[in-house]
Amino acid sequence: MNETVAHLLIVDDDERIRGLLQKFLIRHGFMTSVARDAAHARRLLSGLEFDLIVLDVMMPGEDGLDLTRALRETLSTPILLLTAKGEASERIKGLEAGADDYLPKPFEPKELLLRINAILRRLPAMTEPQDAPKVLHLGSIRYDLERGEMWQGQDSIRLTATEAALMRIFSACPHEPVSRAQLVEDLGRDKGAGAEQAQERAVDVQITRLRRKIEADPKQPRYLQTVRGAGYMLVPD
């Protein structure tokens, strides 16, 4: 992301907000396209590749949560939800739908910029010691540390930006537990007053999503284990 200009898709049914966000993000160096609703977004996504989608939740017709769920079936592009509902339960719904992050309305444009940059930084180039394994095996699944890619046989397993960031964090220290608080910090989550519990719960949701992709039985995980009182631990073969 450092050498190329990131292309963002803004999806919001409010024309004024679309215009303001587009102008603001262009001023800060991003290419931007805008869509007025889910159907318009789908048409743009069918012909263009984006680095991140900024998506309003409350839209007429197909709302942001439904669109996120649908996109996650085929697309791993990071999604940042904008929601007028700031309750933790509503934010969790967004993460469970497949979003990488959320931002309650009203928000400061600078905070939006910080969150976008945090998401785009979650996939840095990986540098591993020469004697370190290049591939981790999780049963029938292979995780390529250098490329940050996951495969099952010849089939690629799509990872969202946050899921890829979690794999990068865990694969850097296999067989060692990583605390939820450390994961919150490493993922660049907001650690403002009163946010700690909600953010750790959000991490739990992301772990659940990742387990669905790597575990034969996500309810009894073999490879991404819960370590009581210590957090989570990746246990490759």
C-alpha atoms as a PDB file:
ATOM      1  CA  MET A   1       0.000   0.000   0.000  1.00  0.00           C
ATOM      2  CA  ASN A   2       2.976   2.294   0.453  1.00  0.00           C
ATOM      3  CA  GLU A   3       3.986   2.457  -3.222  1.00  0.00           C
ATOM      4  CA  THR A   4       0.570   2.648  -4.878  1.00  0.00           C
ATOM      5  CA  VAL A   5      -2.447   4.848  -4.296  1.00  0.00           C
ATOM      6  CA  ALA A   6      -5.219   2.951  -2.516  1.00  0.00           C
ATOM      7  CA  HIS A   7      -8.581   2.916  -4.301  1.00  0.00           C
ATOM      8  CA  LEU A   8     -11.548   3.195  -1.932  1.00  0.00           C
ATOM      9  CA  LEU A   9     -15.239   2.564  -2.602  1.00  0.00           C
ATOM     10  CA  ILE A  10     -17.659   4.717  -0.580  1.00  0.00           C
ATOM     11  CA  VAL A  11     -21.212   3.339  -0.343  1.00  0.00           C
ATOM     12  CA  ASP A  12     -23.800   5.658   1.220  1.00  0.00           C
ATOM     13  CA  ASP A  13     -27.334   6.599   0.212  1.00  0.00           C
ATOM     14  CA  ASP A  14     -26.834  10.187   1.436  1.00  0.00           C
ATOM     15  CA  GLU A  15     -25.496  12.218  -1.510  1.00  0.00           C
ATOM     16  CA  ARG A  16     -24.109  14.968   0.723  1.00  0.00           C
ATOM     17  CA  ILE A  17     -22.139  12.524   2.887  1.00  0.00           C
ATOM     18  CA  ARG A  18     -20.828  10.700  -0.204  1.00  0.00           C
ATOM     19  CA  GLY A  19     -19.558  13.961  -1.639  1.00  0.00           C
ATOM     20  CA  LEU A  20     -17.962  15.146   1.594  1.00  0.00           C
ATOM     21  CA  LEU A  21     -16.205  11.830   2.209  1.00  0.00           C
ATOM     22  CA  GLN A  22     -14.985  11.640  -1.374  1.00  0.00           C
ATOM     23  CA  LYS A  23     -13.492  15.137  -1.280  1.00  0.00           C
ATOM     24  CA  PHE A  24     -11.888  14.529   2.120  1.00  0.00           C
ATOM     25  CA  LEU A  25     -10.303  11.227   1.123  1.00  0.00           C
ATOM     26  CA  ILE A  26      -9.068  12.570  -2.223  1.00  0.00           C
ATOM     27  CA  ARG A  27      -7.364  15.409  -0.346  1.00  0.00           C
ATOM     28  CA  HIS A  28      -5.555  12.780   1.711  1.00  0.00           C
ATOM     29  CA  GLY A  29      -4.200  10.942  -1.294  1.00  0.00           C
ATOM     30  CA  PHE A  30      -6.764   8.223  -2.024  1.00  0.00           C
ATOM     31  CA  MET A  31      -8.484   7.331  -5.269  1.00  0.00           C
ATOM     32  CA  THR A  32     -12.208   7.126  -4.564  1.00  0.00           C
ATOM     33  CA  SER A  33     -15.342   5.856  -6.258  1.00  0.00           C
ATOM     34  CA  VAL A  34     -18.836   6.283  -4.828  1.00  0.00           C
ATOM     35  CA  ALA A  35     -22.016   4.212  -4.901  1.00  0.00           C
ATOM     36  CA  ARG A  36     -25.494   5.300  -3.838  1.00  0.00           C
ATOM     37  CA  ASP A  37     -26.755   1.860  -2.775  1.00  0.00           C
ATOM     38  CA  ALA A  38     -25.914  -1.851  -2.697  1.00  0.00           C
ATOM     39  CA  ALA A  39     -26.921  -2.470  -6.310  1.00  0.00           C
ATOM     40  CA  HIS A  40     -24.720   0.387  -7.521  1.00  0.00           C
ATOM     41  CA  ALA A  41     -21.839  -0.939  -5.398  1.00  0.00           C
ATOM     42  CA  ARG A  42     -22.207  -4.405  -6.913  1.00  0.00           C
ATOM     43  CA  ARG A  43     -21.944  -2.979 -10.433  1.00  0.00           C
ATOM     44  CA  LEU A  44     -18.750  -1.124  -9.551  1.00  0.00           C
ATOM     45  CA  LEU A  45     -17.271  -4.172  -7.814  1.00  0.00           C
ATOM     46  CA  SER A  46     -17.972  -6.332 -10.851  1.00  0.00           C
ATOM     47  CA  GLY A  47     -15.638  -4.236 -12.963  1.00  0.00           C
ATOM     48  CA  LEU A  48     -13.124  -2.670 -10.577  1.00  0.00           C
ATOM     49  CA  GLU A  49     -10.832  -3.798  -7.787  1.00  0.00           C
ATOM     50  CA  PHE A  50     -10.784  -1.793  -4.578  1.00  0.00           C
ATOM     51  CA  ASP A  51      -8.390  -1.773  -1.652  1.00  0.00           C
ATOM     52  CA  LEU A  52     -11.107  -0.968   0.913  1.00  0.00           C
ATOM     53  CA  ILE A  53     -14.872  -0.429   1.062  1.00  0.00           C
ATOM     54  CA  VAL A  54     -16.390   2.247   3.336  1.00  0.00           C
ATOM     55  CA  LEU A  55     -19.980   1.093   3.739  1.00  0.00           C
ATOM     56  CA  ASP A  56     -22.963   2.706   5.457  1.00  0.00           C
ATOM     57  CA  VAL A  57     -25.105   0.238   7.402  1.00  0.00           C
ATOM     58  CA  MET A  58     -28.467   2.048   7.250  1.00  0.00           C
ATOM     59  CA  MET A  59     -29.425   2.038   3.569  1.00  0.00           C
ATOM     60  CA  PRO A  60     -32.833   1.421   1.968  1.00  0.00           C
ATOM     61  CA  GLY A  61     -33.322  -1.961   0.352  1.00  0.00           C
ATOM     62  CA  GLU A  62     -30.274  -4.160   0.903  1.00  0.00           C
ATOM     63  CA  ASP A  63     -28.563  -2.653   3.946  1.00  0.00           C
ATOM     64  CA  GLY A  64     -24.845  -2.591   4.738  1.00  0.00           C
ATOM     65  CA  LEU A  65     -24.911  -5.741   6.888  1.00  0.00           C
ATOM     66  CA  ASP A  66     -26.640  -7.808   4.203  1.00  0.00           C
ATOM     67  CA  LEU A  67     -24.267  -6.504   1.542  1.00  0.00           C
ATOM     68  CA  THR A  68     -21.272  -7.307   3.755  1.00  0.00           C
ATOM     69  CA  ARG A  69     -22.468 -10.896   4.266  1.00  0.00           C
ATOM     70  CA  ALA A  70     -23.004 -11.325   0.537  1.00  0.00           C
ATOM     71  CA  LEU A  71     -19.634  -9.849  -0.429  1.00  0.00           C
ATOM     72  CA  ARG A  72     -17.807 -12.042   2.053  1.00  0.00           C
ATOM     73  CA  GLU A  73     -18.878 -15.134   0.111  1.00  0.00           C
ATOM     74  CA  THR A  74     -16.525 -14.200  -2.734  1.00  0.00           C
ATOM     75  CA  LEU A  75     -14.547 -11.109  -1.706  1.00  0.00           C
ATOM     76  CA  SER A  76     -11.835 -10.496   0.894  1.00  0.00           C
ATOM     77  CA  THR A  77     -11.553  -6.713   0.346  1.00  0.00           C
ATOM     78  CA  PRO A  78     -11.489  -4.936   3.741  1.00  0.00           C
ATOM     79  CA  ILE A  79     -14.825  -3.427   4.768  1.00  0.00           C
ATOM     80  CA  LEU A  80     -15.233  -0.505   7.191  1.00  0.00           C
ATOM     81  CA  LEU A  81     -18.829  -0.059   8.323  1.00  0.00           C
ATOM     82  CA  LEU A  82     -20.336   3.307   9.203  1.00  0.00           C
ATOM     83  CA  THR A  83     -23.221   2.904  11.617  1.00  0.00           C
ATOM     84  CA  ALA A  84     -25.603   5.283  13.381  1.00  0.00           C
ATOM     85  CA  LYS A  85     -25.970   2.675  16.143  1.00  0.00           C
ATOM     86  CA  GLY A  86     -23.011   2.868  18.484  1.00  0.00           C
ATOM     87  CA  GLU A  87     -23.982   0.091  20.904  1.00  0.00           C
ATOM     88  CA  ALA A  88     -21.449  -2.714  21.290  1.00  0.00           C
ATOM     89  CA  SER A  89     -24.060  -5.298  20.256  1.00  0.00           C
ATOM     90  CA  GLU A  90     -24.621  -3.512  16.944  1.00  0.00           C
ATOM     91  CA  ARG A  91     -20.887  -3.314  16.282  1.00  0.00           C
ATOM     92  CA  ILE A  92     -20.543  -7.031  16.985  1.00  0.00           C
ATOM     93  CA  LYS A  93     -23.228  -7.702  14.376  1.00  0.00           C
ATOM     94  CA  GLY A  94     -21.088  -5.875  11.861  1.00  0.00           C
ATOM     95  CA  LEU A  95     -18.003  -7.916  12.682  1.00  0.00           C
ATOM     96  CA  GLU A  96     -19.977 -11.154  12.579  1.00  0.00           C
ATOM     97  CA  ALA A  97     -21.233 -10.172   9.131  1.00  0.00           C
ATOM     98  CA  GLY A  98     -17.621  -9.973   7.972  1.00  0.00           C
ATOM     99  CA  ALA A  99     -16.586  -6.349   8.432  1.00  0.00           C
ATOM    100  CA  ASP A 100     -13.004  -5.543   9.421  1.00  0.00           C
ATOM    101  CA  ASP A 101     -13.884  -2.489  11.497  1.00  0.00           C
ATOM    102  CA  TYR A 102     -16.732  -0.095  12.286  1.00  0.00           C
ATOM    103  CA  LEU A 103     -17.109   3.598  13.032  1.00  0.00           C
ATOM    104  CA  PRO A 104     -20.188   4.989  14.803  1.00  0.00           C
ATOM    105  CA  LYS A 105     -21.821   8.143  13.463  1.00  0.00           C
ATOM    106  CA  PRO A 106     -21.302  10.993  13.963  1.00  0.00           C
ATOM    107  CA  PHE A 107     -17.521  10.789  13.603  1.00  0.00           C
ATOM    108  CA  GLU A 108     -14.597  13.079  13.015  1.00  0.00           C
ATOM    109  CA  PRO A 109     -13.172  12.740   9.488  1.00  0.00           C
ATOM    110  CA  LYS A 110      -9.707  12.390  10.994  1.00  0.00           C
ATOM    111  CA  GLU A 111     -10.830   9.281  12.899  1.00  0.00           C
ATOM    112  CA  LEU A 112     -12.136   7.776   9.665  1.00  0.00           C
ATOM    113  CA  LEU A 113      -8.748   8.468   8.075  1.00  0.00           C
ATOM    114  CA  LEU A 114      -6.920   6.834  10.992  1.00  0.00           C
ATOM    115  CA  ARG A 115      -9.095   3.727  10.823  1.00  0.00           C
ATOM    116  CA  ILE A 116      -8.685   3.409   7.057  1.00  0.00           C
ATOM    117  CA  ASN A 117      -4.912   3.672   7.358  1.00  0.00           C
ATOM    118  CA  ALA A 118      -4.904   1.158  10.232  1.00  0.00           C
ATOM    119  CA  ILE A 119      -6.782  -1.386   8.108  1.00  0.00           C
ATOM    120  CA  LEU A 120      -4.496  -0.847   5.107  1.00  0.00           C
ATOM    121  CA  ARG A 121      -1.445  -1.370   7.341  1.00  0.00           C
ATOM    122  CA  ARG A 122      -2.625  -4.772   8.562  1.00  0.00           C
ATOM    123  CA  LEU A 123      -1.010  -6.579   5.658  1.00  0.00           C
ATOM    124  CA  PRO A 124       2.650  -5.472   5.692  1.00  0.00           C
ATOM    125  CA  ALA A 125       5.302  -7.367   3.790  1.00  0.00           C
ATOM    126  CA  MET A 126       6.444 -10.237   5.953  1.00  0.00           C
ATOM    127  CA  THR A 127      10.096 -10.812   6.696  1.00  0.00           C
ATOM    128  CA  GLU A 128      11.017 -14.125   8.290  1.00  0.00           C
ATOM    129  CA  PRO A 129      14.394 -15.470   9.437  1.00  0.00           C
ATOM    130  CA  GLN A 130      16.026 -17.669   6.803  1.00  0.00           C
ATOM    131  CA  ASP A 131      15.782 -20.781   8.988  1.00  0.00           C
ATOM    132  CA  ALA A 132      12.112 -20.231   9.829  1.00  0.00           C
ATOM    133  CA  PRO A 133       9.497 -22.426   8.123  1.00  0.00           C
ATOM    134  CA  LYS A 134       7.894 -20.784   5.103  1.00  0.00           C
ATOM    135  CA  VAL A 135       4.662 -22.752   5.344  1.00  0.00           C
ATOM    136  CA  LEU A 136       2.595 -23.759   8.363  1.00  0.00           C
ATOM    137  CA  HIS A 137       0.382 -26.832   8.136  1.00  0.00           C
ATOM    138  CA  LEU A 138      -2.989 -26.916   9.885  1.00  0.00           C
ATOM    139  CA  GLY A 139      -4.243 -30.346   8.943  1.00  0.00           C
ATOM    140  CA  SER A 140      -5.194 -30.168   5.264  1.00  0.00           C
ATOM    141  CA  ILE A 141      -4.687 -26.399   5.240  1.00  0.00           C
ATOM    142  CA  ARG A 142      -1.412 -24.665   4.315  1.00  0.00           C
ATOM    143  CA  TYR A 143      -0.536 -21.133   5.366  1.00  0.00           C
ATOM    144  CA  ASP A 144       2.231 -19.425   3.367  1.00  0.00           C
ATOM    145  CA  LEU A 145       3.985 -17.049   5.764  1.00  0.00           C
ATOM    146  CA  GLU A 146       5.748 -15.026   3.089  1.00  0.00           C
ATOM    147  CA  ARG A 147       2.682 -14.433   0.939  1.00  0.00           C
ATOM    148  CA  GLY A 148       0.134 -14.364   3.740  1.00  0.00           C
ATOM    149  CA  GLU A 149      -1.961 -16.832   1.737  1.00  0.00           C
ATOM    150  CA  MET A 150      -3.986 -19.822   2.893  1.00  0.00           C
ATOM    151  CA  TRP A 151      -4.722 -22.892   0.786  1.00  0.00           C
ATOM    152  CA  GLN A 152      -6.626 -26.151   1.031  1.00  0.00           C
ATOM    153  CA  GLY A 153      -5.347 -28.380  -1.738  1.00  0.00           C
ATOM    154  CA  GLN A 154      -5.479 -26.261  -4.894  1.00  0.00           C
ATOM    155  CA  ASP A 155      -8.205 -23.998  -3.500  1.00  0.00           C
ATOM    156  CA  SER A 156      -7.333 -20.602  -2.074  1.00  0.00           C
ATOM    157  CA  ILE A 157      -9.046 -19.699   1.213  1.00  0.00           C
ATOM    158  CA  ARG A 158     -10.016 -16.044   1.195  1.00  0.00           C
ATOM    159  CA  LEU A 159      -8.970 -14.114   4.295  1.00  0.00           C
ATOM    160  CA  THR A 160     -10.201 -10.664   5.200  1.00  0.00           C
ATOM    161  CA  ALA A 161      -7.576  -8.070   6.128  1.00  0.00           C
ATOM    162  CA  THR A 162      -8.231  -8.665   9.821  1.00  0.00           C
ATOM    163  CA  GLU A 163      -8.123 -12.465   9.495  1.00  0.00           C
ATOM    164  CA  ALA A 164      -4.838 -12.193   7.574  1.00  0.00           C
ATOM    165  CA  ALA A 165      -3.471  -9.888  10.266  1.00  0.00           C
ATOM    166  CA  LEU A 166      -4.435 -12.415  12.965  1.00  0.00           C
ATOM    167  CA  MET A 167      -2.666 -15.207  11.075  1.00  0.00           C
ATOM    168  CA  ARG A 168       0.421 -13.035  10.737  1.00  0.00           C
ATOM    169  CA  ILE A 169       0.385 -12.324  14.491  1.00  0.00           C
ATOM    170  CA  PHE A 170      -0.121 -15.956  15.511  1.00  0.00           C
ATOM    171  CA  SER A 171       2.306 -17.429  12.967  1.00  0.00           C
ATOM    172  CA  ALA A 172       5.059 -15.161  14.286  1.00  0.00           C
ATOM    173  CA  CYS A 173       4.898 -17.013  17.620  1.00  0.00           C
ATOM    174  CA  PRO A 174       3.369 -20.495  17.141  1.00  0.00           C
ATOM    175  CA  HIS A 175       2.751 -22.542  20.302  1.00  0.00           C
ATOM    176  CA  GLU A 176       2.814 -19.326  22.361  1.00  0.00           C
ATOM    177  CA  PRO A 177      -0.383 -17.742  23.726  1.00  0.00           C
ATOM    178  CA  VAL A 178      -1.240 -14.193  22.693  1.00  0.00           C
ATOM    179  CA  SER A 179      -3.501 -12.244  25.054  1.00  0.00           C
ATOM    180  CA  ARG A 180      -6.689 -10.599  23.879  1.00  0.00           C
ATOM    181  CA  ALA A 181      -5.324  -7.232  25.018  1.00  0.00           C
ATOM    182  CA  GLN A 182      -2.211  -7.772  22.871  1.00  0.00           C
ATOM    183  CA  LEU A 183      -4.363  -8.702  19.887  1.00  0.00           C
ATOM    184  CA  VAL A 184      -6.411  -5.525  20.342  1.00  0.00           C
ATOM    185  CA  GLU A 185      -3.174  -3.519  20.300  1.00  0.00           C
ATOM    186  CA  ASP A 186      -1.609  -5.380  17.363  1.00  0.00           C
ATOM    187  CA  LEU A 187      -4.766  -4.971  15.296  1.00  0.00           C
ATOM    188  CA  GLY A 188      -4.700  -1.229  15.881  1.00  0.00           C
ATOM    189  CA  ARG A 189      -8.052  -1.185  17.627  1.00  0.00           C
ATOM    190  CA  ASP A 190      -9.324   1.854  19.505  1.00  0.00           C
ATOM    191  CA  LYS A 191      -8.331   1.623  23.169  1.00  0.00           C
ATOM    192  CA  GLY A 192     -10.228   4.686  24.383  1.00  0.00           C
ATOM    193  CA  ALA A 193     -11.950   4.966  27.730  1.00  0.00           C
ATOM    194  CA  GLY A 194     -14.550   2.262  28.252  1.00  0.00           C
ATOM    195  CA  ALA A 195     -13.688   0.544  24.979  1.00  0.00           C
ATOM    196  CA  GLU A 196     -11.463  -2.271  26.259  1.00  0.00           C
ATOM    197  CA  GLN A 197     -14.189  -4.831  26.929  1.00  0.00           C
ATOM    198  CA  ALA A 198     -15.974  -4.164  23.651  1.00  0.00           C
ATOM    199  CA  GLN A 199     -12.719  -4.391  21.697  1.00  0.00           C
ATOM    200  CA  GLU A 200     -11.744  -7.691  23.300  1.00  0.00           C
ATOM    201  CA  ARG A 201     -15.216  -9.022  22.495  1.00  0.00           C
ATOM    202  CA  ALA A 202     -14.675  -7.858  18.911  1.00  0.00           C
ATOM    203  CA  VAL A 203     -11.433  -9.841  18.810  1.00  0.00           C
ATOM    204  CA  ASP A 204     -13.348 -12.921  19.997  1.00  0.00           C
ATOM    205  CA  VAL A 205     -15.713 -12.493  17.043  1.00  0.00           C
ATOM    206  CA  GLN A 206     -12.782 -12.283  14.608  1.00  0.00           C
ATOM    207  CA  ILE A 207     -11.255 -15.432  16.151  1.00  0.00           C
ATOM    208  CA  THR A 208     -14.563 -17.262  15.697  1.00  0.00           C
ATOM    209  CA  ARG A 209     -14.640 -16.254  12.027  1.00  0.00           C
ATOM    210  CA  LEU A 210     -11.048 -17.391  11.489  1.00  0.00           C
ATOM    211  CA  ARG A 211     -11.725 -20.731  13.177  1.00  0.00           C
ATOM    212  CA  ARG A 212     -14.542 -21.417  10.712  1.00  0.00           C
ATOM    213  CA  LYS A 213     -11.939 -21.309   7.942  1.00  0.00           C
ATOM    214  CA  ILE A 214      -9.205 -23.435   9.529  1.00  0.00           C
ATOM    215  CA  GLU A 215     -10.925 -25.849  11.897  1.00  0.00           C
ATOM    216  CA  ALA A 216     -12.793 -29.060  11.071  1.00  0.00           C
ATOM    217  CA  ASP A 217     -14.887 -28.395  14.183  1.00  0.00           C
ATOM    218  CA  PRO A 218     -14.740 -24.680  15.127  1.00  0.00           C
ATOM    219  CA  LYS A 219     -16.477 -25.401  18.449  1.00  0.00           C
ATOM    220  CA  GLN A 220     -13.634 -27.736  19.449  1.00  0.00           C
ATOM    221  CA  PRO A 221     -10.622 -26.022  17.880  1.00  0.00           C
ATOM    222  CA  ARG A 222      -7.463 -28.032  17.297  1.00  0.00           C
ATOM    223  CA  TYR A 223      -5.230 -25.417  15.684  1.00  0.00           C
ATOM    224  CA  LEU A 224      -6.375 -22.061  17.085  1.00  0.00           C
ATOM    225  CA  GLN A 225      -6.800 -22.894  20.736  1.00  0.00           C
ATOM    226  CA  THR A 226      -8.114 -20.900  23.676  1.00  0.00           C
ATOM    227  CA  VAL A 227      -5.636 -20.812  26.555  1.00  0.00           C
ATOM    228  CA  ARG A 228      -7.560 -20.125  29.739  1.00  0.00           C
ATOM    229  CA  GLY A 229      -6.409 -16.890  31.337  1.00  0.00           C
ATOM    230  CA  ALA A 230      -3.769 -16.297  28.651  1.00  0.00           C
ATOM    231  CA  GLY A 231      -5.593 -15.697  25.362  1.00  0.00           C
ATOM    232  CA  TYR A 232      -5.295 -17.643  22.102  1.00  0.00           C
ATOM    233  CA  MET A 233      -2.547 -19.828  20.628  1.00  0.00           C
ATOM    234  CA  LEU A 234      -1.834 -21.199  17.162  1.00  0.00           C
ATOM    235  CA  VAL A 235      -0.779 -24.850  17.243  1.00  0.00           C
ATOM    236  CA  PRO A 236       0.321 -25.937  13.736  1.00  0.00           C
ATOM    237  CA  ASP A 237       1.250 -29.541  12.901  1.00  0.00           C
END
